[in-house]
Amino acid sequence: MIIYNVTTNIHQSVHDQWMIWMQHKHIPEILATGKFSSARMVRVLIEEELGGVTYSVQYTTDSKETLEKYYLENAPAFREEGAKLFGDKMLAFRTELELIADY
């Protein structure tokens, strides 16, 4: 199993708007691509020097190949929409994780 982790720092001035967009549009639309089986959104509890609030969304998929298809077929439009809506008020970075074991 592969976890596609997107960590985002969002400026307080657009926080509420971003949260509504994430929960009611962005995450559901990513899941609707059929490339992910689930998503989990968590708040990062470390305060950032740059301010804002940081969240991590972890999308679960079956393979690296499926994630690569997402990058090719879907990711550009999703990233463009976020940049268009929130610009420099949002800073995101992505990490790919491979699940070794659950305990």
PDB file of N, CA and C in Angstrom:
ATOM      1  N   MET A   1       0.846  -1.178   0.000  1.00  0.00           N
ATOM      2  CA  MET A   1       0.000   0.000   0.000  1.00  0.00           C
ATOM      3  C   MET A   1       0.891   1.240   0.000  1.00  0.00           C
ATOM      4  N   ILE A   2       0.472   2.235  -0.756  1.00  0.00           N
ATOM      5  CA  ILE A   2       1.191   3.509  -0.859  1.00  0.00           C
ATOM      6  C   ILE A   2       0.327   4.602  -0.245  1.00  0.00           C
ATOM      7  N   ILE A   3       0.977   5.490   0.505  1.00  0.00           N
ATOM      8  CA  ILE A   3       0.297   6.650   1.074  1.00  0.00           C
ATOM      9  C   ILE A   3       0.893   7.887   0.415  1.00  0.00           C
ATOM     10  N   TYR A   4       0.015   8.658  -0.193  1.00  0.00           N
ATOM     11  CA  TYR A   4       0.393   9.927  -0.802  1.00  0.00           C
ATOM     12  C   TYR A   4       0.044  11.002   0.217  1.00  0.00           C
ATOM     13  N   ASN A   5       1.069  11.618   0.801  1.00  0.00           N
ATOM     14  CA  ASN A   5       0.894  12.578   1.880  1.00  0.00           C
ATOM     15  C   ASN A   5       1.112  13.990   1.354  1.00  0.00           C
ATOM     16  N   VAL A   6       0.115  14.846   1.564  1.00  0.00           N
ATOM     17  CA  VAL A   6       0.225  16.247   1.162  1.00  0.00           C
ATOM     18  C   VAL A   6       0.154  17.092   2.430  1.00  0.00           C
ATOM     19  N   THR A   7       1.247  17.763   2.746  1.00  0.00           N
ATOM     20  CA  THR A   7       1.312  18.632   3.912  1.00  0.00           C
ATOM     21  C   THR A   7       1.173  20.072   3.440  1.00  0.00           C
ATOM     22  N   THR A   8       0.242  20.791   4.055  1.00  0.00           N
ATOM     23  CA  THR A   8      -0.060  22.153   3.617  1.00  0.00           C
ATOM     24  C   THR A   8      -0.075  23.102   4.798  1.00  0.00           C
ATOM     25  N   ASN A   9       0.623  24.230   4.634  1.00  0.00           N
ATOM     26  CA  ASN A   9       0.524  25.323   5.596  1.00  0.00           C
ATOM     27  C   ASN A   9      -0.381  26.362   4.966  1.00  0.00           C
ATOM     28  N   ILE A  10      -1.422  26.744   5.710  1.00  0.00           N
ATOM     29  CA  ILE A  10      -2.406  27.687   5.182  1.00  0.00           C
ATOM     30  C   ILE A  10      -2.465  28.932   6.058  1.00  0.00           C
ATOM     31  N   HIS A  11      -2.432  30.085   5.436  1.00  0.00           N
ATOM     32  CA  HIS A  11      -2.456  31.363   6.137  1.00  0.00           C
ATOM     33  C   HIS A  11      -3.802  31.543   6.843  1.00  0.00           C
ATOM     34  N   GLN A  12      -3.761  32.148   8.017  1.00  0.00           N
ATOM     35  CA  GLN A  12      -4.987  32.350   8.806  1.00  0.00           C
ATOM     36  C   GLN A  12      -6.067  33.123   8.045  1.00  0.00           C
ATOM     37  N   SER A  13      -5.657  34.045   7.182  1.00  0.00           N
ATOM     38  CA  SER A  13      -6.637  34.886   6.487  1.00  0.00           C
ATOM     39  C   SER A  13      -7.538  34.108   5.527  1.00  0.00           C
ATOM     40  N   VAL A  14      -7.111  32.920   5.098  1.00  0.00           N
ATOM     41  CA  VAL A  14      -7.925  32.100   4.190  1.00  0.00           C
ATOM     42  C   VAL A  14      -8.217  30.716   4.780  1.00  0.00           C
ATOM     43  N   HIS A  15      -7.882  30.541   6.031  1.00  0.00           N
ATOM     44  CA  HIS A  15      -8.008  29.226   6.664  1.00  0.00           C
ATOM     45  C   HIS A  15      -9.409  28.631   6.546  1.00  0.00           C
ATOM     46  N   ASP A  16     -10.416  29.378   6.940  1.00  0.00           N
ATOM     47  CA  ASP A  16     -11.781  28.837   6.943  1.00  0.00           C
ATOM     48  C   ASP A  16     -12.255  28.501   5.532  1.00  0.00           C
ATOM     49  N   GLN A  17     -11.965  29.361   4.587  1.00  0.00           N
ATOM     50  CA  GLN A  17     -12.329  29.120   3.188  1.00  0.00           C
ATOM     51  C   GLN A  17     -11.627  27.860   2.667  1.00  0.00           C
ATOM     52  N   TRP A  18     -10.334  27.727   2.980  1.00  0.00           N
ATOM     53  CA  TRP A  18      -9.544  26.571   2.554  1.00  0.00           C
ATOM     54  C   TRP A  18     -10.106  25.291   3.167  1.00  0.00           C
ATOM     55  N   MET A  19     -10.447  25.330   4.442  1.00  0.00           N
ATOM     56  CA  MET A  19     -10.955  24.141   5.125  1.00  0.00           C
ATOM     57  C   MET A  19     -12.263  23.667   4.494  1.00  0.00           C
ATOM     58  N   ILE A  20     -13.164  24.583   4.190  1.00  0.00           N
ATOM     59  CA  ILE A  20     -14.422  24.214   3.526  1.00  0.00           C
ATOM     60  C   ILE A  20     -14.132  23.601   2.159  1.00  0.00           C
ATOM     61  N   TRP A  21     -13.247  24.247   1.395  1.00  0.00           N
ATOM     62  CA  TRP A  21     -12.871  23.733   0.076  1.00  0.00           C
ATOM     63  C   TRP A  21     -12.272  22.336   0.175  1.00  0.00           C
ATOM     64  N   MET A  22     -11.369  22.135   1.112  1.00  0.00           N
ATOM     65  CA  MET A  22     -10.728  20.823   1.278  1.00  0.00           C
ATOM     66  C   MET A  22     -11.750  19.741   1.602  1.00  0.00           C
ATOM     67  N   GLN A  23     -12.590  19.980   2.597  1.00  0.00           N
ATOM     68  CA  GLN A  23     -13.496  18.951   3.093  1.00  0.00           C
ATOM     69  C   GLN A  23     -14.698  18.692   2.184  1.00  0.00           C
ATOM     70  N   HIS A  24     -15.157  19.717   1.484  1.00  0.00           N
ATOM     71  CA  HIS A  24     -16.376  19.558   0.705  1.00  0.00           C
ATOM     72  C   HIS A  24     -16.159  19.478  -0.808  1.00  0.00           C
ATOM     73  N   LYS A  25     -14.946  19.816  -1.263  1.00  0.00           N
ATOM     74  CA  LYS A  25     -14.693  19.778  -2.703  1.00  0.00           C
ATOM     75  C   LYS A  25     -13.422  19.012  -3.056  1.00  0.00           C
ATOM     76  N   HIS A  26     -12.292  19.491  -2.576  1.00  0.00           N
ATOM     77  CA  HIS A  26     -10.998  18.964  -3.018  1.00  0.00           C
ATOM     78  C   HIS A  26     -10.806  17.484  -2.677  1.00  0.00           C
ATOM     79  N   ILE A  27     -10.898  17.131  -1.413  1.00  0.00           N
ATOM     80  CA  ILE A  27     -10.696  15.729  -1.024  1.00  0.00           C
ATOM     81  C   ILE A  27     -11.733  14.818  -1.682  1.00  0.00           C
ATOM     82  N   PRO A  28     -13.033  15.156  -1.655  1.00  0.00           N
ATOM     83  CA  PRO A  28     -14.002  14.296  -2.345  1.00  0.00           C
ATOM     84  C   PRO A  28     -13.699  14.129  -3.839  1.00  0.00           C
ATOM     85  N   GLU A  29     -13.252  15.190  -4.498  1.00  0.00           N
ATOM     86  CA  GLU A  29     -12.937  15.089  -5.924  1.00  0.00           C
ATOM     87  C   GLU A  29     -11.717  14.212  -6.172  1.00  0.00           C
ATOM     88  N   ILE A  30     -10.728  14.287  -5.316  1.00  0.00           N
ATOM     89  CA  ILE A  30      -9.558  13.409  -5.462  1.00  0.00           C
ATOM     90  C   ILE A  30      -9.980  11.951  -5.264  1.00  0.00           C
ATOM     91  N   LEU A  31     -10.796  11.686  -4.264  1.00  0.00           N
ATOM     92  CA  LEU A  31     -11.276  10.317  -4.051  1.00  0.00           C
ATOM     93  C   LEU A  31     -12.124   9.850  -5.238  1.00  0.00           C
ATOM     94  N   ALA A  32     -12.849  10.759  -5.854  1.00  0.00           N
ATOM     95  CA  ALA A  32     -13.709  10.410  -6.987  1.00  0.00           C
ATOM     96  C   ALA A  32     -12.923  10.008  -8.240  1.00  0.00           C
ATOM     97  N   THR A  33     -11.616  10.265  -8.266  1.00  0.00           N
ATOM     98  CA  THR A  33     -10.807   9.813  -9.404  1.00  0.00           C
ATOM     99  C   THR A  33     -10.738   8.288  -9.448  1.00  0.00           C
ATOM    100  N   GLY A  34     -11.050   7.639  -8.323  1.00  0.00           N
ATOM    101  CA  GLY A  34     -10.967   6.185  -8.247  1.00  0.00           C
ATOM    102  C   GLY A  34      -9.565   5.658  -8.018  1.00  0.00           C
ATOM    103  N   LYS A  35      -8.616   6.560  -7.831  1.00  0.00           N
ATOM    104  CA  LYS A  35      -7.228   6.133  -7.662  1.00  0.00           C
ATOM    105  C   LYS A  35      -6.817   5.978  -6.197  1.00  0.00           C
ATOM    106  N   PHE A  36      -7.678   6.405  -5.293  1.00  0.00           N
ATOM    107  CA  PHE A  36      -7.399   6.304  -3.859  1.00  0.00           C
ATOM    108  C   PHE A  36      -8.571   5.638  -3.156  1.00  0.00           C
ATOM    109  N   SER A  37      -8.268   4.816  -2.170  1.00  0.00           N
ATOM    110  CA  SER A  37      -9.322   4.096  -1.447  1.00  0.00           C
ATOM    111  C   SER A  37      -9.804   4.850  -0.214  1.00  0.00           C
ATOM    112  N   SER A  38      -8.970   5.758   0.297  1.00  0.00           N
ATOM    113  CA  SER A  38      -9.357   6.521   1.485  1.00  0.00           C
ATOM    114  C   SER A  38      -8.476   7.746   1.619  1.00  0.00           C
ATOM    115  N   ALA A  39      -8.917   8.646   2.500  1.00  0.00           N
ATOM    116  CA  ALA A  39      -8.131   9.847   2.817  1.00  0.00           C
ATOM    117  C   ALA A  39      -8.306  10.147   4.295  1.00  0.00           C
ATOM    118  N   ARG A  40      -7.258  10.661   4.892  1.00  0.00           N
ATOM    119  CA  ARG A  40      -7.286  11.055   6.305  1.00  0.00           C
ATOM    120  C   ARG A  40      -6.666  12.439   6.400  1.00  0.00           C
ATOM    121  N   MET A  41      -7.374  13.355   7.074  1.00  0.00           N
ATOM    122  CA  MET A  41      -6.870  14.715   7.256  1.00  0.00           C
ATOM    123  C   MET A  41      -6.539  14.914   8.730  1.00  0.00           C
ATOM    124  N   VAL A  42      -5.324  15.388   8.998  1.00  0.00           N
ATOM    125  CA  VAL A  42      -4.887  15.629  10.374  1.00  0.00           C
ATOM    126  C   VAL A  42      -4.248  17.009  10.473  1.00  0.00           C
ATOM    127  N   ARG A  43      -4.303  17.570  11.651  1.00  0.00           N
ATOM    128  CA  ARG A  43      -3.638  18.849  11.905  1.00  0.00           C
ATOM    129  C   ARG A  43      -2.260  18.556  12.490  1.00  0.00           C
ATOM    130  N   VAL A  44      -1.255  19.275  12.002  1.00  0.00           N
ATOM    131  CA  VAL A  44       0.105  19.158  12.525  1.00  0.00           C
ATOM    132  C   VAL A  44       0.188  20.050  13.754  1.00  0.00           C
ATOM    133  N   LEU A  45       0.631  19.494  14.871  1.00  0.00           N
ATOM    134  CA  LEU A  45       0.591  20.215  16.148  1.00  0.00           C
ATOM    135  C   LEU A  45       1.826  21.058  16.441  1.00  0.00           C
ATOM    136  N   ILE A  46       2.786  21.073  15.544  1.00  0.00           N
ATOM    137  CA  ILE A  46       3.972  21.909  15.725  1.00  0.00           C
ATOM    138  C   ILE A  46       3.690  23.284  15.128  1.00  0.00           C
ATOM    139  N   GLU A  47       3.974  24.336  15.889  1.00  0.00           N
ATOM    140  CA  GLU A  47       3.775  25.690  15.373  1.00  0.00           C
ATOM    141  C   GLU A  47       4.901  26.034  14.411  1.00  0.00           C
ATOM    142  N   GLU A  48       4.512  26.567  13.268  1.00  0.00           N
ATOM    143  CA  GLU A  48       5.479  26.945  12.242  1.00  0.00           C
ATOM    144  C   GLU A  48       5.971  28.366  12.472  1.00  0.00           C
ATOM    145  N   GLU A  49       7.245  28.603  12.217  1.00  0.00           N
ATOM    146  CA  GLU A  49       7.810  29.936  12.340  1.00  0.00           C
ATOM    147  C   GLU A  49       7.130  30.916  11.392  1.00  0.00           C
ATOM    148  N   LEU A  50       6.709  30.419  10.217  1.00  0.00           N
ATOM    149  CA  LEU A  50       6.074  31.299   9.239  1.00  0.00           C
ATOM    150  C   LEU A  50       4.622  31.582   9.573  1.00  0.00           C
ATOM    151  N   GLY A  51       4.096  30.988  10.638  1.00  0.00           N
ATOM    152  CA  GLY A  51       2.713  31.208  11.034  1.00  0.00           C
ATOM    153  C   GLY A  51       1.771  30.290  10.292  1.00  0.00           C
ATOM    154  N   GLY A  52       0.500  30.623  10.326  1.00  0.00           N
ATOM    155  CA  GLY A  52      -0.492  29.785   9.676  1.00  0.00           C
ATOM    156  C   GLY A  52      -0.751  28.499  10.437  1.00  0.00           C
ATOM    157  N   VAL A  53      -1.531  27.626   9.823  1.00  0.00           N
ATOM    158  CA  VAL A  53      -1.870  26.336  10.398  1.00  0.00           C
ATOM    159  C   VAL A  53      -1.457  25.272   9.389  1.00  0.00           C
ATOM    160  N   THR A  54      -0.887  24.174   9.880  1.00  0.00           N
ATOM    161  CA  THR A  54      -0.406  23.126   8.993  1.00  0.00           C
ATOM    162  C   THR A  54      -1.246  21.871   9.138  1.00  0.00           C
ATOM    163  N   TYR A  55      -1.588  21.282   7.994  1.00  0.00           N
ATOM    164  CA  TYR A  55      -2.374  20.054   7.944  1.00  0.00           C
ATOM    165  C   TYR A  55      -1.666  19.041   7.049  1.00  0.00           C
ATOM    166  N   SER A  56      -1.981  17.789   7.282  1.00  0.00           N
ATOM    167  CA  SER A  56      -1.507  16.713   6.426  1.00  0.00           C
ATOM    168  C   SER A  56      -2.722  15.911   5.978  1.00  0.00           C
ATOM    169  N   VAL A  57      -2.796  15.643   4.680  1.00  0.00           N
ATOM    170  CA  VAL A  57      -3.833  14.759   4.158  1.00  0.00           C
ATOM    171  C   VAL A  57      -3.126  13.550   3.570  1.00  0.00           C
ATOM    172  N   GLN A  58      -3.531  12.369   4.033  1.00  0.00           N
ATOM    173  CA  GLN A  58      -2.921  11.123   3.586  1.00  0.00           C
ATOM    174  C   GLN A  58      -3.927  10.341   2.757  1.00  0.00           C
ATOM    175  N   TYR A  59      -3.604  10.184   1.480  1.00  0.00           N
ATOM    176  CA  TYR A  59      -4.443   9.439   0.543  1.00  0.00           C
ATOM    177  C   TYR A  59      -3.836   8.054   0.365  1.00  0.00           C
ATOM    178  N   THR A  60      -4.653   7.021   0.497  1.00  0.00           N
ATOM    179  CA  THR A  60      -4.176   5.649   0.388  1.00  0.00           C
ATOM    180  C   THR A  60      -4.497   5.102  -0.998  1.00  0.00           C
ATOM    181  N   THR A  61      -3.491   4.484  -1.624  1.00  0.00           N
ATOM    182  CA  THR A  61      -3.675   3.865  -2.933  1.00  0.00           C
ATOM    183  C   THR A  61      -3.009   2.495  -2.956  1.00  0.00           C
ATOM    184  N   ASP A  62      -3.344   1.700  -3.959  1.00  0.00           N
ATOM    185  CA  ASP A  62      -2.882   0.317  -3.998  1.00  0.00           C
ATOM    186  C   ASP A  62      -1.447   0.146  -4.476  1.00  0.00           C
ATOM    187  N   SER A  63      -0.939   1.084  -5.290  1.00  0.00           N
ATOM    188  CA  SER A  63       0.388   0.876  -5.862  1.00  0.00           C
ATOM    189  C   SER A  63       1.025   2.182  -6.317  1.00  0.00           C
ATOM    190  N   LYS A  64       2.312   2.124  -6.528  1.00  0.00           N
ATOM    191  CA  LYS A  64       3.067   3.260  -7.066  1.00  0.00           C
ATOM    192  C   LYS A  64       2.581   3.568  -8.484  1.00  0.00           C
ATOM    193  N   GLU A  65       2.209   2.549  -9.231  1.00  0.00           N
ATOM    194  CA  GLU A  65       1.713   2.728 -10.589  1.00  0.00           C
ATOM    195  C   GLU A  65       0.411   3.545 -10.601  1.00  0.00           C
ATOM    196  N   THR A  66      -0.492   3.248  -9.672  1.00  0.00           N
ATOM    197  CA  THR A  66      -1.735   4.003  -9.588  1.00  0.00           C
ATOM    198  C   THR A  66      -1.451   5.454  -9.219  1.00  0.00           C
ATOM    199  N   LEU A  67      -0.503   5.668  -8.312  1.00  0.00           N
ATOM    200  CA  LEU A  67      -0.127   7.024  -7.936  1.00  0.00           C
ATOM    201  C   LEU A  67       0.466   7.760  -9.134  1.00  0.00           C
ATOM    202  N   GLU A  68       1.278   7.094  -9.925  1.00  0.00           N
ATOM    203  CA  GLU A  68       1.852   7.712 -11.122  1.00  0.00           C
ATOM    204  C   GLU A  68       0.753   8.102 -12.112  1.00  0.00           C
ATOM    205  N   LYS A  69      -0.283   7.260 -12.246  1.00  0.00           N
ATOM    206  CA  LYS A  69      -1.414   7.603 -13.114  1.00  0.00           C
ATOM    207  C   LYS A  69      -2.115   8.853 -12.597  1.00  0.00           C
ATOM    208  N   TYR A  70      -2.246   8.967 -11.273  1.00  0.00           N
ATOM    209  CA  TYR A  70      -2.843  10.165 -10.683  1.00  0.00           C
ATOM    210  C   TYR A  70      -2.013  11.400 -11.047  1.00  0.00           C
ATOM    211  N   TYR A  71      -0.685  11.291 -10.913  1.00  0.00           N
ATOM    212  CA  TYR A  71       0.192  12.416 -11.256  1.00  0.00           C
ATOM    213  C   TYR A  71      -0.009  12.854 -12.712  1.00  0.00           C
ATOM    214  N   LEU A  72      -0.125  11.909 -13.604  1.00  0.00           N
ATOM    215  CA  LEU A  72      -0.253  12.212 -15.031  1.00  0.00           C
ATOM    216  C   LEU A  72      -1.642  12.715 -15.413  1.00  0.00           C
ATOM    217  N   GLU A  73      -2.676  12.067 -14.883  1.00  0.00           N
ATOM    218  CA  GLU A  73      -4.039  12.320 -15.337  1.00  0.00           C
ATOM    219  C   GLU A  73      -4.807  13.364 -14.531  1.00  0.00           C
ATOM    220  N   ASN A  74      -4.460  13.537 -13.251  1.00  0.00           N
ATOM    221  CA  ASN A  74      -5.299  14.361 -12.380  1.00  0.00           C
ATOM    222  C   ASN A  74      -4.579  15.475 -11.635  1.00  0.00           C
ATOM    223  N   ALA A  75      -3.384  15.214 -11.156  1.00  0.00           N
ATOM    224  CA  ALA A  75      -2.703  16.138 -10.253  1.00  0.00           C
ATOM    225  C   ALA A  75      -2.545  17.554 -10.802  1.00  0.00           C
ATOM    226  N   PRO A  76      -2.170  17.749 -12.072  1.00  0.00           N
ATOM    227  CA  PRO A  76      -1.970  19.123 -12.538  1.00  0.00           C
ATOM    228  C   PRO A  76      -3.202  20.014 -12.352  1.00  0.00           C
ATOM    229  N   ALA A  77      -4.368  19.514 -12.668  1.00  0.00           N
ATOM    230  CA  ALA A  77      -5.586  20.325 -12.532  1.00  0.00           C
ATOM    231  C   ALA A  77      -5.893  20.636 -11.078  1.00  0.00           C
ATOM    232  N   PHE A  78      -5.704  19.639 -10.195  1.00  0.00           N
ATOM    233  CA  PHE A  78      -5.961  19.875  -8.771  1.00  0.00           C
ATOM    234  C   PHE A  78      -4.989  20.905  -8.197  1.00  0.00           C
ATOM    235  N   ARG A  79      -3.718  20.792  -8.554  1.00  0.00           N
ATOM    236  CA  ARG A  79      -2.711  21.742  -8.053  1.00  0.00           C
ATOM    237  C   ARG A  79      -2.982  23.154  -8.581  1.00  0.00           C
ATOM    238  N   GLU A  80      -3.375  23.233  -9.833  1.00  0.00           N
ATOM    239  CA  GLU A  80      -3.680  24.533 -10.441  1.00  0.00           C
ATOM    240  C   GLU A  80      -4.865  25.191  -9.737  1.00  0.00           C
ATOM    241  N   GLU A  81      -5.893  24.420  -9.432  1.00  0.00           N
ATOM    242  CA  GLU A  81      -7.059  24.982  -8.751  1.00  0.00           C
ATOM    243  C   GLU A  81      -6.676  25.543  -7.382  1.00  0.00           C
ATOM    244  N   GLY A  82      -5.881  24.798  -6.614  1.00  0.00           N
ATOM    245  CA  GLY A  82      -5.445  25.277  -5.301  1.00  0.00           C
ATOM    246  C   GLY A  82      -4.629  26.553  -5.406  1.00  0.00           C
ATOM    247  N   ALA A  83      -3.719  26.594  -6.368  1.00  0.00           N
ATOM    248  CA  ALA A  83      -2.883  27.783  -6.563  1.00  0.00           C
ATOM    249  C   ALA A  83      -3.733  28.983  -6.969  1.00  0.00           C
ATOM    250  N   LYS A  84      -4.722  28.745  -7.818  1.00  0.00           N
ATOM    251  CA  LYS A  84      -5.598  29.817  -8.281  1.00  0.00           C
ATOM    252  C   LYS A  84      -6.437  30.382  -7.132  1.00  0.00           C
ATOM    253  N   LEU A  85      -6.938  29.502  -6.278  1.00  0.00           N
ATOM    254  CA  LEU A  85      -7.798  29.936  -5.176  1.00  0.00           C
ATOM    255  C   LEU A  85      -7.037  30.583  -4.029  1.00  0.00           C
ATOM    256  N   PHE A  86      -5.841  30.055  -3.706  1.00  0.00           N
ATOM    257  CA  PHE A  86      -5.161  30.481  -2.478  1.00  0.00           C
ATOM    258  C   PHE A  86      -3.777  31.082  -2.687  1.00  0.00           C
ATOM    259  N   GLY A  87      -3.228  30.969  -3.874  1.00  0.00           N
ATOM    260  CA  GLY A  87      -1.952  31.598  -4.205  1.00  0.00           C
ATOM    261  C   GLY A  87      -0.872  31.392  -3.165  1.00  0.00           C
ATOM    262  N   ASP A  88      -0.226  32.495  -2.788  1.00  0.00           N
ATOM    263  CA  ASP A  88       0.884  32.410  -1.845  1.00  0.00           C
ATOM    264  C   ASP A  88       0.422  32.296  -0.391  1.00  0.00           C
ATOM    265  N   LYS A  89      -0.868  32.169  -0.168  1.00  0.00           N
ATOM    266  CA  LYS A  89      -1.395  31.954   1.196  1.00  0.00           C
ATOM    267  C   LYS A  89      -1.363  30.466   1.559  1.00  0.00           C
ATOM    268  N   MET A  90      -0.950  29.640   0.596  1.00  0.00           N
ATOM    269  CA  MET A  90      -0.899  28.199   0.787  1.00  0.00           C
ATOM    270  C   MET A  90       0.458  27.683   0.332  1.00  0.00           C
ATOM    271  N   LEU A  91       1.104  26.905   1.175  1.00  0.00           N
ATOM    272  CA  LEU A  91       2.378  26.279   0.839  1.00  0.00           C
ATOM    273  C   LEU A  91       2.229  24.784   1.065  1.00  0.00           C
ATOM    274  N   ALA A  92       2.434  23.987   0.027  1.00  0.00           N
ATOM    275  CA  ALA A  92       2.236  22.540   0.138  1.00  0.00           C
ATOM    276  C   ALA A  92       3.472  21.791  -0.323  1.00  0.00           C
ATOM    277  N   PHE A  93       3.726  20.655   0.318  1.00  0.00           N
ATOM    278  CA  PHE A  93       4.740  19.735  -0.192  1.00  0.00           C
ATOM    279  C   PHE A  93       4.202  18.319  -0.057  1.00  0.00           C
ATOM    280  N   ARG A  94       4.712  17.446  -0.911  1.00  0.00           N
ATOM    281  CA  ARG A  94       4.180  16.100  -1.026  1.00  0.00           C
ATOM    282  C   ARG A  94       5.238  15.058  -0.713  1.00  0.00           C
ATOM    283  N   THR A  95       4.790  13.966  -0.103  1.00  0.00           N
ATOM    284  CA  THR A  95       5.665  12.857   0.250  1.00  0.00           C
ATOM    285  C   THR A  95       4.985  11.549  -0.121  1.00  0.00           C
ATOM    286  N   GLU A  96       5.742  10.617  -0.657  1.00  0.00           N
ATOM    287  CA  GLU A  96       5.231   9.281  -0.949  1.00  0.00           C
ATOM    288  C   GLU A  96       5.730   8.336   0.135  1.00  0.00           C
ATOM    289  N   LEU A  97       4.830   7.573   0.697  1.00  0.00           N
ATOM    290  CA  LEU A  97       5.169   6.640   1.765  1.00  0.00           C
ATOM    291  C   LEU A  97       4.725   5.236   1.382  1.00  0.00           C
ATOM    292  N   GLU A  98       5.507   4.238   1.757  1.00  0.00           N
ATOM    293  CA  GLU A  98       5.125   2.855   1.535  1.00  0.00           C
ATOM    294  C   GLU A  98       4.841   2.199   2.885  1.00  0.00           C
ATOM    295  N   LEU A  99       3.651   1.633   3.038  1.00  0.00           N
ATOM    296  CA  LEU A  99       3.294   0.960   4.282  1.00  0.00           C
ATOM    297  C   LEU A  99       4.057  -0.360   4.368  1.00  0.00           C
ATOM    298  N   ILE A 100       4.762  -0.524   5.459  1.00  0.00           N
ATOM    299  CA  ILE A 100       5.501  -1.769   5.699  1.00  0.00           C
ATOM    300  C   ILE A 100       4.649  -2.726   6.519  1.00  0.00           C
ATOM    301  N   ALA A 101       4.033  -2.216   7.592  1.00  0.00           N
ATOM    302  CA  ALA A 101       3.202  -3.079   8.451  1.00  0.00           C
ATOM    303  C   ALA A 101       2.307  -2.225   9.329  1.00  0.00           C
ATOM    304  N   ASP A 102       1.163  -2.774   9.645  1.00  0.00           N
ATOM    305  CA  ASP A 102       0.269  -2.192  10.644  1.00  0.00           C
ATOM    306  C   ASP A 102       0.410  -3.028  11.915  1.00  0.00           C
ATOM    307  N   TYR A 103       0.379  -2.386  13.080  1.00  0.00           N
ATOM    308  CA  TYR A 103       0.466  -3.118  14.354  1.00  0.00           C
ATOM    309  C   TYR A 103      -0.701  -2.776  15.231  1.00  0.00           C
TER     310      TYR A 103
END
